[in-house]
Amino acid sequence: MQRVIDELKTCFDPEIPVDIWELGLIYELTLDDADNLAVVMTLTSPNCPVAESLPAEVENKLKLVQGITSAALKLTFEPPWQKDMMSEVAQLELGFM
């Protein structure tokens, strides 16, 4: 699963200089016995300018991770993303700490 997380850390919301993993946009990662990956993610807001492009970019990158048979992404806004979902790394980077 670390390879998946490493790949997620290459995906950025273009308006925020922190990757989507550290931002807390990934709610769930599930890998089944056949190495099919299911991802539940959100965006910082439903009106995010990259609402259509970012999820597709994430899904396409994850399909290329060695050892992953398939990757399917589900976008959700429940619960809504909040700043406290960010890691300490992200909070420091963005000056919230």
PDB file of N, CA and C in Angstrom:
ATOM      1  N   MET A   1       0.822  -1.193   0.000  1.00  0.00           N
ATOM      2  CA  MET A   1       0.000   0.000   0.000  1.00  0.00           C
ATOM      3  C   MET A   1       0.871   1.264   0.000  1.00  0.00           C
ATOM      4  N   GLN A   2       2.113   1.128   0.432  1.00  0.00           N
ATOM      5  CA  GLN A   2       2.988   2.300   0.459  1.00  0.00           C
ATOM      6  C   GLN A   2       3.222   2.867  -0.940  1.00  0.00           C
ATOM      7  N   ARG A   3       3.310   1.991  -1.956  1.00  0.00           N
ATOM      8  CA  ARG A   3       3.472   2.488  -3.333  1.00  0.00           C
ATOM      9  C   ARG A   3       2.274   3.323  -3.765  1.00  0.00           C
ATOM     10  N   VAL A   4       1.097   2.931  -3.318  1.00  0.00           N
ATOM     11  CA  VAL A   4      -0.121   3.687  -3.628  1.00  0.00           C
ATOM     12  C   VAL A   4      -0.047   5.067  -2.972  1.00  0.00           C
ATOM     13  N   ILE A   5       0.317   5.099  -1.704  1.00  0.00           N
ATOM     14  CA  ILE A   5       0.432   6.369  -0.986  1.00  0.00           C
ATOM     15  C   ILE A   5       1.500   7.249  -1.625  1.00  0.00           C
ATOM     16  N   ASP A   6       2.627   6.648  -1.995  1.00  0.00           N
ATOM     17  CA  ASP A   6       3.683   7.422  -2.656  1.00  0.00           C
ATOM     18  C   ASP A   6       3.180   8.055  -3.953  1.00  0.00           C
ATOM     19  N   GLU A   7       2.372   7.323  -4.693  1.00  0.00           N
ATOM     20  CA  GLU A   7       1.814   7.858  -5.946  1.00  0.00           C
ATOM     21  C   GLU A   7       0.810   8.970  -5.653  1.00  0.00           C
ATOM     22  N   LEU A   8       0.005   8.800  -4.619  1.00  0.00           N
ATOM     23  CA  LEU A   8      -0.948   9.843  -4.241  1.00  0.00           C
ATOM     24  C   LEU A   8      -0.231  11.137  -3.872  1.00  0.00           C
ATOM     25  N   LYS A   9       0.949  11.002  -3.330  1.00  0.00           N
ATOM     26  CA  LYS A   9       1.723  12.179  -2.925  1.00  0.00           C
ATOM     27  C   LYS A   9       2.303  12.933  -4.123  1.00  0.00           C
ATOM     28  N   THR A  10       2.094  12.418  -5.340  1.00  0.00           N
ATOM     29  CA  THR A  10       2.517  13.145  -6.547  1.00  0.00           C
ATOM     30  C   THR A  10       1.359  13.943  -7.144  1.00  0.00           C
ATOM     31  N   CYS A  11       0.185  13.857  -6.526  1.00  0.00           N
ATOM     32  CA  CYS A  11      -0.999  14.551  -7.013  1.00  0.00           C
ATOM     33  C   CYS A  11      -1.267  15.773  -6.140  1.00  0.00           C
ATOM     34  N   PHE A  12      -1.440  16.918  -6.795  1.00  0.00           N
ATOM     35  CA  PHE A  12      -1.631  18.171  -6.078  1.00  0.00           C
ATOM     36  C   PHE A  12      -2.867  18.893  -6.575  1.00  0.00           C
ATOM     37  N   ASP A  13      -3.546  19.545  -5.652  1.00  0.00           N
ATOM     38  CA  ASP A  13      -4.556  20.521  -6.026  1.00  0.00           C
ATOM     39  C   ASP A  13      -3.741  21.720  -6.501  1.00  0.00           C
ATOM     40  N   PRO A  14      -3.903  22.188  -7.726  1.00  0.00           N
ATOM     41  CA  PRO A  14      -3.034  23.241  -8.255  1.00  0.00           C
ATOM     42  C   PRO A  14      -3.077  24.555  -7.478  1.00  0.00           C
ATOM     43  N   GLU A  15      -4.110  24.768  -6.683  1.00  0.00           N
ATOM     44  CA  GLU A  15      -4.203  26.000  -5.918  1.00  0.00           C
ATOM     45  C   GLU A  15      -3.545  25.904  -4.545  1.00  0.00           C
ATOM     46  N   ILE A  16      -3.178  24.688  -4.135  1.00  0.00           N
ATOM     47  CA  ILE A  16      -2.597  24.474  -2.805  1.00  0.00           C
ATOM     48  C   ILE A  16      -1.288  23.694  -2.984  1.00  0.00           C
ATOM     49  N   PRO A  17      -0.176  24.203  -2.459  1.00  0.00           N
ATOM     50  CA  PRO A  17       1.121  23.546  -2.684  1.00  0.00           C
ATOM     51  C   PRO A  17       1.383  22.336  -1.778  1.00  0.00           C
ATOM     52  N   VAL A  18       0.348  21.530  -1.538  1.00  0.00           N
ATOM     53  CA  VAL A  18       0.464  20.347  -0.697  1.00  0.00           C
ATOM     54  C   VAL A  18      -0.239  19.204  -1.425  1.00  0.00           C
ATOM     55  N   ASP A  19       0.332  17.997  -1.343  1.00  0.00           N
ATOM     56  CA  ASP A  19      -0.263  16.863  -2.058  1.00  0.00           C
ATOM     57  C   ASP A  19      -1.587  16.432  -1.417  1.00  0.00           C
ATOM     58  N   ILE A  20      -2.371  15.680  -2.194  1.00  0.00           N
ATOM     59  CA  ILE A  20      -3.716  15.310  -1.759  1.00  0.00           C
ATOM     60  C   ILE A  20      -3.716  14.365  -0.565  1.00  0.00           C
ATOM     61  N   TRP A  21      -2.657  13.580  -0.389  1.00  0.00           N
ATOM     62  CA  TRP A  21      -2.576  12.685   0.769  1.00  0.00           C
ATOM     63  C   TRP A  21      -2.435  13.507   2.047  1.00  0.00           C
ATOM     64  N   GLU A  22      -1.502  14.445   2.048  1.00  0.00           N
ATOM     65  CA  GLU A  22      -1.266  15.276   3.231  1.00  0.00           C
ATOM     66  C   GLU A  22      -2.435  16.223   3.492  1.00  0.00           C
ATOM     67  N   LEU A  23      -3.153  16.614   2.430  1.00  0.00           N
ATOM     68  CA  LEU A  23      -4.328  17.465   2.606  1.00  0.00           C
ATOM     69  C   LEU A  23      -5.482  16.726   3.271  1.00  0.00           C
ATOM     70  N   GLY A  24      -5.427  15.395   3.273  1.00  0.00           N
ATOM     71  CA  GLY A  24      -6.504  14.604   3.864  1.00  0.00           C
ATOM     72  C   GLY A  24      -7.674  14.401   2.920  1.00  0.00           C
ATOM     73  N   LEU A  25      -7.404  14.495   1.619  1.00  0.00           N
ATOM     74  CA  LEU A  25      -8.480  14.312   0.638  1.00  0.00           C
ATOM     75  C   LEU A  25      -8.796  12.846   0.371  1.00  0.00           C
ATOM     76  N   ILE A  26      -7.914  11.950   0.805  1.00  0.00           N
ATOM     77  CA  ILE A  26      -8.158  10.518   0.622  1.00  0.00           C
ATOM     78  C   ILE A  26      -8.812   9.980   1.882  1.00  0.00           C
ATOM     79  N   TYR A  27     -10.048   9.540   1.755  1.00  0.00           N
ATOM     80  CA  TYR A  27     -10.801   9.039   2.902  1.00  0.00           C
ATOM     81  C   TYR A  27     -10.607   7.548   3.124  1.00  0.00           C
ATOM     82  N   GLU A  28     -10.413   6.800   2.051  1.00  0.00           N
ATOM     83  CA  GLU A  28     -10.333   5.344   2.200  1.00  0.00           C
ATOM     84  C   GLU A  28      -9.561   4.724   1.051  1.00  0.00           C
ATOM     85  N   LEU A  29      -8.714   3.752   1.384  1.00  0.00           N
ATOM     86  CA  LEU A  29      -8.002   2.930   0.406  1.00  0.00           C
ATOM     87  C   LEU A  29      -8.289   1.480   0.748  1.00  0.00           C
ATOM     88  N   THR A  30      -8.783   0.731  -0.223  1.00  0.00           N
ATOM     89  CA  THR A  30      -9.078  -0.686  -0.004  1.00  0.00           C
ATOM     90  C   THR A  30      -8.466  -1.488  -1.139  1.00  0.00           C
ATOM     91  N   LEU A  31      -7.692  -2.493  -0.773  1.00  0.00           N
ATOM     92  CA  LEU A  31      -7.071  -3.377  -1.753  1.00  0.00           C
ATOM     93  C   LEU A  31      -7.584  -4.784  -1.504  1.00  0.00           C
ATOM     94  N   ASP A  32      -8.245  -5.381  -2.506  1.00  0.00           N
ATOM     95  CA  ASP A  32      -8.779  -6.724  -2.310  1.00  0.00           C
ATOM     96  C   ASP A  32      -7.721  -7.781  -2.625  1.00  0.00           C
ATOM     97  N   ASP A  33      -8.098  -9.039  -2.496  1.00  0.00           N
ATOM     98  CA  ASP A  33      -7.160 -10.154  -2.701  1.00  0.00           C
ATOM     99  C   ASP A  33      -6.645 -10.249  -4.130  1.00  0.00           C
ATOM    100  N   ALA A  34      -7.367  -9.662  -5.078  1.00  0.00           N
ATOM    101  CA  ALA A  34      -6.950  -9.687  -6.487  1.00  0.00           C
ATOM    102  C   ALA A  34      -6.196  -8.405  -6.865  1.00  0.00           C
ATOM    103  N   ASP A  35      -5.802  -7.619  -5.861  1.00  0.00           N
ATOM    104  CA  ASP A  35      -5.063  -6.360  -6.060  1.00  0.00           C
ATOM    105  C   ASP A  35      -5.851  -5.303  -6.815  1.00  0.00           C
ATOM    106  N   ASN A  36      -7.169  -5.318  -6.627  1.00  0.00           N
ATOM    107  CA  ASN A  36      -8.021  -4.255  -7.157  1.00  0.00           C
ATOM    108  C   ASN A  36      -8.113  -3.179  -6.079  1.00  0.00           C
ATOM    109  N   LEU A  37      -7.780  -1.971  -6.446  1.00  0.00           N
ATOM    110  CA  LEU A  37      -7.750  -0.864  -5.506  1.00  0.00           C
ATOM    111  C   LEU A  37      -9.022  -0.038  -5.611  1.00  0.00           C
ATOM    112  N   ALA A  38      -9.635   0.242  -4.477  1.00  0.00           N
ATOM    113  CA  ALA A  38     -10.794   1.134  -4.413  1.00  0.00           C
ATOM    114  C   ALA A  38     -10.395   2.331  -3.557  1.00  0.00           C
ATOM    115  N   VAL A  39     -10.664   3.516  -4.074  1.00  0.00           N
ATOM    116  CA  VAL A  39     -10.283   4.748  -3.403  1.00  0.00           C
ATOM    117  C   VAL A  39     -11.522   5.616  -3.218  1.00  0.00           C
ATOM    118  N   VAL A  40     -11.685   6.130  -2.011  1.00  0.00           N
ATOM    119  CA  VAL A  40     -12.731   7.107  -1.743  1.00  0.00           C
ATOM    120  C   VAL A  40     -12.010   8.403  -1.419  1.00  0.00           C
ATOM    121  N   MET A  41     -12.316   9.444  -2.185  1.00  0.00           N
ATOM    122  CA  MET A  41     -11.663  10.729  -1.961  1.00  0.00           C
ATOM    123  C   MET A  41     -12.671  11.858  -2.042  1.00  0.00           C
ATOM    124  N   THR A  42     -12.221  13.019  -1.600  1.00  0.00           N
ATOM    125  CA  THR A  42     -13.034  14.225  -1.665  1.00  0.00           C
ATOM    126  C   THR A  42     -12.202  15.339  -2.270  1.00  0.00           C
ATOM    127  N   LEU A  43     -12.778  16.491  -2.363  1.00  0.00           N
ATOM    128  CA  LEU A  43     -12.083  17.702  -2.795  1.00  0.00           C
ATOM    129  C   LEU A  43     -12.263  18.745  -1.700  1.00  0.00           C
ATOM    130  N   THR A  44     -11.489  19.796  -1.752  1.00  0.00           N
ATOM    131  CA  THR A  44     -11.597  20.818  -0.719  1.00  0.00           C
ATOM    132  C   THR A  44     -12.974  21.484  -0.724  1.00  0.00           C
ATOM    133  N   SER A  45     -13.635  21.486  -1.884  1.00  0.00           N
ATOM    134  CA  SER A  45     -15.018  21.976  -1.966  1.00  0.00           C
ATOM    135  C   SER A  45     -15.659  21.403  -3.231  1.00  0.00           C
ATOM    136  N   PRO A  46     -16.983  21.286  -3.232  1.00  0.00           N
ATOM    137  CA  PRO A  46     -17.664  20.785  -4.427  1.00  0.00           C
ATOM    138  C   PRO A  46     -17.442  21.683  -5.645  1.00  0.00           C
ATOM    139  N   ASN A  47     -17.127  22.945  -5.409  1.00  0.00           N
ATOM    140  CA  ASN A  47     -16.911  23.894  -6.504  1.00  0.00           C
ATOM    141  C   ASN A  47     -15.439  24.019  -6.877  1.00  0.00           C
ATOM    142  N   CYS A  48     -14.622  23.096  -6.427  1.00  0.00           N
ATOM    143  CA  CYS A  48     -13.193  23.113  -6.713  1.00  0.00           C
ATOM    144  C   CYS A  48     -12.969  23.182  -8.230  1.00  0.00           C
ATOM    145  N   PRO A  49     -12.085  24.065  -8.686  1.00  0.00           N
ATOM    146  CA  PRO A  49     -11.853  24.211 -10.127  1.00  0.00           C
ATOM    147  C   PRO A  49     -11.340  22.934 -10.810  1.00  0.00           C
ATOM    148  N   VAL A  50     -10.765  22.017 -10.041  1.00  0.00           N
ATOM    149  CA  VAL A  50     -10.255  20.777 -10.633  1.00  0.00           C
ATOM    150  C   VAL A  50     -11.163  19.585 -10.322  1.00  0.00           C
ATOM    151  N   ALA A  51     -12.438  19.861 -10.047  1.00  0.00           N
ATOM    152  CA  ALA A  51     -13.385  18.811  -9.669  1.00  0.00           C
ATOM    153  C   ALA A  51     -13.495  17.706 -10.712  1.00  0.00           C
ATOM    154  N   GLU A  52     -13.303  18.039 -11.974  1.00  0.00           N
ATOM    155  CA  GLU A  52     -13.387  17.016 -13.009  1.00  0.00           C
ATOM    156  C   GLU A  52     -12.033  16.424 -13.339  1.00  0.00           C
ATOM    157  N   SER A  53     -10.991  17.226 -13.324  1.00  0.00           N
ATOM    158  CA  SER A  53      -9.685  16.736 -13.759  1.00  0.00           C
ATOM    159  C   SER A  53      -8.893  16.010 -12.677  1.00  0.00           C
ATOM    160  N   LEU A  54      -8.948  16.464 -11.425  1.00  0.00           N
ATOM    161  CA  LEU A  54      -8.124  15.852 -10.382  1.00  0.00           C
ATOM    162  C   LEU A  54      -8.499  14.401 -10.101  1.00  0.00           C
ATOM    163  N   PRO A  55      -9.777  14.061  -9.901  1.00  0.00           N
ATOM    164  CA  PRO A  55     -10.103  12.645  -9.678  1.00  0.00           C
ATOM    165  C   PRO A  55      -9.649  11.746 -10.833  1.00  0.00           C
ATOM    166  N   ALA A  56      -9.800  12.206 -12.055  1.00  0.00           N
ATOM    167  CA  ALA A  56      -9.355  11.411 -13.214  1.00  0.00           C
ATOM    168  C   ALA A  56      -7.840  11.242 -13.202  1.00  0.00           C
ATOM    169  N   GLU A  57      -7.112  12.306 -12.857  1.00  0.00           N
ATOM    170  CA  GLU A  57      -5.654  12.215 -12.769  1.00  0.00           C
ATOM    171  C   GLU A  57      -5.242  11.202 -11.707  1.00  0.00           C
ATOM    172  N   VAL A  58      -5.884  11.250 -10.551  1.00  0.00           N
ATOM    173  CA  VAL A  58      -5.568  10.329  -9.458  1.00  0.00           C
ATOM    174  C   VAL A  58      -5.820   8.891  -9.893  1.00  0.00           C
ATOM    175  N   GLU A  59      -6.977   8.631 -10.453  1.00  0.00           N
ATOM    176  CA  GLU A  59      -7.324   7.277 -10.884  1.00  0.00           C
ATOM    177  C   GLU A  59      -6.341   6.768 -11.937  1.00  0.00           C
ATOM    178  N   ASN A  60      -5.992   7.592 -12.907  1.00  0.00           N
ATOM    179  CA  ASN A  60      -5.064   7.186 -13.958  1.00  0.00           C
ATOM    180  C   ASN A  60      -3.678   6.891 -13.402  1.00  0.00           C
ATOM    181  N   LYS A  61      -3.203   7.705 -12.468  1.00  0.00           N
ATOM    182  CA  LYS A  61      -1.889   7.454 -11.871  1.00  0.00           C
ATOM    183  C   LYS A  61      -1.883   6.162 -11.063  1.00  0.00           C
ATOM    184  N   LEU A  62      -2.960   5.915 -10.335  1.00  0.00           N
ATOM    185  CA  LEU A  62      -3.008   4.713  -9.500  1.00  0.00           C
ATOM    186  C   LEU A  62      -3.071   3.437 -10.332  1.00  0.00           C
ATOM    187  N   LYS A  63      -3.653   3.518 -11.519  1.00  0.00           N
ATOM    188  CA  LYS A  63      -3.709   2.350 -12.403  1.00  0.00           C
ATOM    189  C   LYS A  63      -2.315   1.934 -12.861  1.00  0.00           C
ATOM    190  N   LEU A  64      -1.345   2.847 -12.785  1.00  0.00           N
ATOM    191  CA  LEU A  64       0.022   2.567 -13.218  1.00  0.00           C
ATOM    192  C   LEU A  64       0.921   2.031 -12.106  1.00  0.00           C
ATOM    193  N   VAL A  65       0.423   2.000 -10.873  1.00  0.00           N
ATOM    194  CA  VAL A  65       1.225   1.520  -9.749  1.00  0.00           C
ATOM    195  C   VAL A  65       1.475   0.027  -9.920  1.00  0.00           C
ATOM    196  N   GLN A  66       2.741  -0.344  -9.831  1.00  0.00           N
ATOM    197  CA  GLN A  66       3.123  -1.750  -9.980  1.00  0.00           C
ATOM    198  C   GLN A  66       2.421  -2.595  -8.911  1.00  0.00           C
ATOM    199  N   GLY A  67       1.828  -3.702  -9.344  1.00  0.00           N
ATOM    200  CA  GLY A  67       1.150  -4.606  -8.434  1.00  0.00           C
ATOM    201  C   GLY A  67      -0.337  -4.342  -8.296  1.00  0.00           C
ATOM    202  N   ILE A  68      -0.828  -3.248  -8.862  1.00  0.00           N
ATOM    203  CA  ILE A  68      -2.259  -2.941  -8.813  1.00  0.00           C
ATOM    204  C   ILE A  68      -2.914  -3.446 -10.094  1.00  0.00           C
ATOM    205  N   THR A  69      -3.924  -4.302  -9.951  1.00  0.00           N
ATOM    206  CA  THR A  69      -4.637  -4.849 -11.099  1.00  0.00           C
ATOM    207  C   THR A  69      -5.559  -3.808 -11.710  1.00  0.00           C
ATOM    208  N   SER A  70      -6.306  -3.113 -10.861  1.00  0.00           N
ATOM    209  CA  SER A  70      -7.201  -2.061 -11.320  1.00  0.00           C
ATOM    210  C   SER A  70      -7.361  -1.037 -10.207  1.00  0.00           C
ATOM    211  N   ALA A  71      -7.806   0.141 -10.586  1.00  0.00           N
ATOM    212  CA  ALA A  71      -8.053   1.204  -9.610  1.00  0.00           C
ATOM    213  C   ALA A  71      -9.375   1.875  -9.949  1.00  0.00           C
ATOM    214  N   ALA A  72     -10.231   1.998  -8.951  1.00  0.00           N
ATOM    215  CA  ALA A  72     -11.519   2.661  -9.120  1.00  0.00           C
ATOM    216  C   ALA A  72     -11.642   3.732  -8.052  1.00  0.00           C
ATOM    217  N   LEU A  73     -12.054   4.902  -8.476  1.00  0.00           N
ATOM    218  CA  LEU A  73     -12.145   6.035  -7.567  1.00  0.00           C
ATOM    219  C   LEU A  73     -13.595   6.462  -7.391  1.00  0.00           C
ATOM    220  N   LYS A  74     -13.971   6.698  -6.140  1.00  0.00           N
ATOM    221  CA  LYS A  74     -15.299   7.216  -5.834  1.00  0.00           C
ATOM    222  C   LYS A  74     -15.107   8.580  -5.189  1.00  0.00           C
ATOM    223  N   LEU A  75     -15.755   9.579  -5.740  1.00  0.00           N
ATOM    224  CA  LEU A  75     -15.688  10.929  -5.203  1.00  0.00           C
ATOM    225  C   LEU A  75     -16.874  11.142  -4.272  1.00  0.00           C
ATOM    226  N   THR A  76     -16.601  11.683  -3.084  1.00  0.00           N
ATOM    227  CA  THR A  76     -17.658  11.932  -2.111  1.00  0.00           C
ATOM    228  C   THR A  76     -17.458  13.303  -1.472  1.00  0.00           C
ATOM    229  N   PHE A  77     -18.508  13.835  -0.945  1.00  0.00           N
ATOM    230  CA  PHE A  77     -18.420  15.076  -0.178  1.00  0.00           C
ATOM    231  C   PHE A  77     -18.997  14.883   1.221  1.00  0.00           C
ATOM    232  N   GLU A  78     -19.098  13.623   1.633  1.00  0.00           N
ATOM    233  CA  GLU A  78     -19.568  13.281   2.971  1.00  0.00           C
ATOM    234  C   GLU A  78     -18.522  12.438   3.667  1.00  0.00           C
ATOM    235  N   PRO A  79     -17.959  12.856   4.739  1.00  0.00           N
ATOM    236  CA  PRO A  79     -18.169  14.163   5.341  1.00  0.00           C
ATOM    237  C   PRO A  79     -17.447  15.240   4.540  1.00  0.00           C
ATOM    238  N   PRO A  80     -17.907  16.477   4.653  1.00  0.00           N
ATOM    239  CA  PRO A  80     -17.230  17.561   3.947  1.00  0.00           C
ATOM    240  C   PRO A  80     -15.794  17.719   4.464  1.00  0.00           C
ATOM    241  N   TRP A  81     -14.894  18.029   3.549  1.00  0.00           N
ATOM    242  CA  TRP A  81     -13.492  18.238   3.930  1.00  0.00           C
ATOM    243  C   TRP A  81     -13.393  19.479   4.813  1.00  0.00           C
ATOM    244  N   GLN A  82     -12.518  19.384   5.823  1.00  0.00           N
ATOM    245  CA  GLN A  82     -12.253  20.504   6.718  1.00  0.00           C
ATOM    246  C   GLN A  82     -10.753  20.610   6.925  1.00  0.00           C
ATOM    247  N   LYS A  83     -10.294  21.780   7.260  1.00  0.00           N
ATOM    248  CA  LYS A  83      -8.859  22.020   7.429  1.00  0.00           C
ATOM    249  C   LYS A  83      -8.220  21.098   8.456  1.00  0.00           C
ATOM    250  N   ASP A  84      -8.978  20.676   9.466  1.00  0.00           N
ATOM    251  CA  ASP A  84      -8.391  19.808  10.490  1.00  0.00           C
ATOM    252  C   ASP A  84      -8.149  18.383   9.995  1.00  0.00           C
ATOM    253  N   MET A  85      -8.545  18.074   8.768  1.00  0.00           N
ATOM    254  CA  MET A  85      -8.270  16.763   8.177  1.00  0.00           C
ATOM    255  C   MET A  85      -6.851  16.689   7.602  1.00  0.00           C
ATOM    256  N   MET A  86      -6.193  17.842   7.502  1.00  0.00           N
ATOM    257  CA  MET A  86      -4.827  17.882   6.976  1.00  0.00           C
ATOM    258  C   MET A  86      -3.852  17.281   7.988  1.00  0.00           C
ATOM    259  N   SER A  87      -2.784  16.699   7.473  1.00  0.00           N
ATOM    260  CA  SER A  87      -1.730  16.206   8.341  1.00  0.00           C
ATOM    261  C   SER A  87      -0.991  17.394   8.958  1.00  0.00           C
ATOM    262  N   GLU A  88      -0.180  17.110   9.967  1.00  0.00           N
ATOM    263  CA  GLU A  88       0.638  18.163  10.569  1.00  0.00           C
ATOM    264  C   GLU A  88       1.587  18.760   9.532  1.00  0.00           C
ATOM    265  N   VAL A  89       2.101  17.916   8.637  1.00  0.00           N
ATOM    266  CA  VAL A  89       2.997  18.377   7.572  1.00  0.00           C
ATOM    267  C   VAL A  89       2.294  19.443   6.731  1.00  0.00           C
ATOM    268  N   ALA A  90       1.067  19.157   6.320  1.00  0.00           N
ATOM    269  CA  ALA A  90       0.306  20.104   5.497  1.00  0.00           C
ATOM    270  C   ALA A  90      -0.007  21.376   6.275  1.00  0.00           C
ATOM    271  N   GLN A  91      -0.383  21.224   7.528  1.00  0.00           N
ATOM    272  CA  GLN A  91      -0.712  22.396   8.336  1.00  0.00           C
ATOM    273  C   GLN A  91       0.504  23.300   8.514  1.00  0.00           C
ATOM    274  N   LEU A  92       1.652  22.686   8.722  1.00  0.00           N
ATOM    275  CA  LEU A  92       2.885  23.480   8.832  1.00  0.00           C
ATOM    276  C   LEU A  92       3.210  24.182   7.518  1.00  0.00           C
ATOM    277  N   GLU A  93       3.110  23.434   6.427  1.00  0.00           N
ATOM    278  CA  GLU A  93       3.394  23.981   5.090  1.00  0.00           C
ATOM    279  C   GLU A  93       2.523  25.192   4.760  1.00  0.00           C
ATOM    280  N   LEU A  94       1.272  25.115   5.181  1.00  0.00           N
ATOM    281  CA  LEU A  94       0.321  26.170   4.863  1.00  0.00           C
ATOM    282  C   LEU A  94       0.213  27.230   5.955  1.00  0.00           C
ATOM    283  N   GLY A  95       1.006  27.086   7.013  1.00  0.00           N
ATOM    284  CA  GLY A  95       1.048  28.094   8.072  1.00  0.00           C
ATOM    285  C   GLY A  95      -0.107  28.050   9.044  1.00  0.00           C
ATOM    286  N   PHE A  96      -0.726  26.901   9.217  1.00  0.00           N
ATOM    287  CA  PHE A  96      -1.838  26.769  10.166  1.00  0.00           C
ATOM    288  C   PHE A  96      -1.384  26.386  11.562  1.00  0.00           C
ATOM    289  N   MET A  97      -0.103  26.136  11.746  1.00  0.00           N
ATOM    290  CA  MET A  97       0.409  25.739  13.067  1.00  0.00           C
ATOM    291  C   MET A  97       1.454  26.722  13.537  1.00  0.00           C
TER     292      MET A  97
END
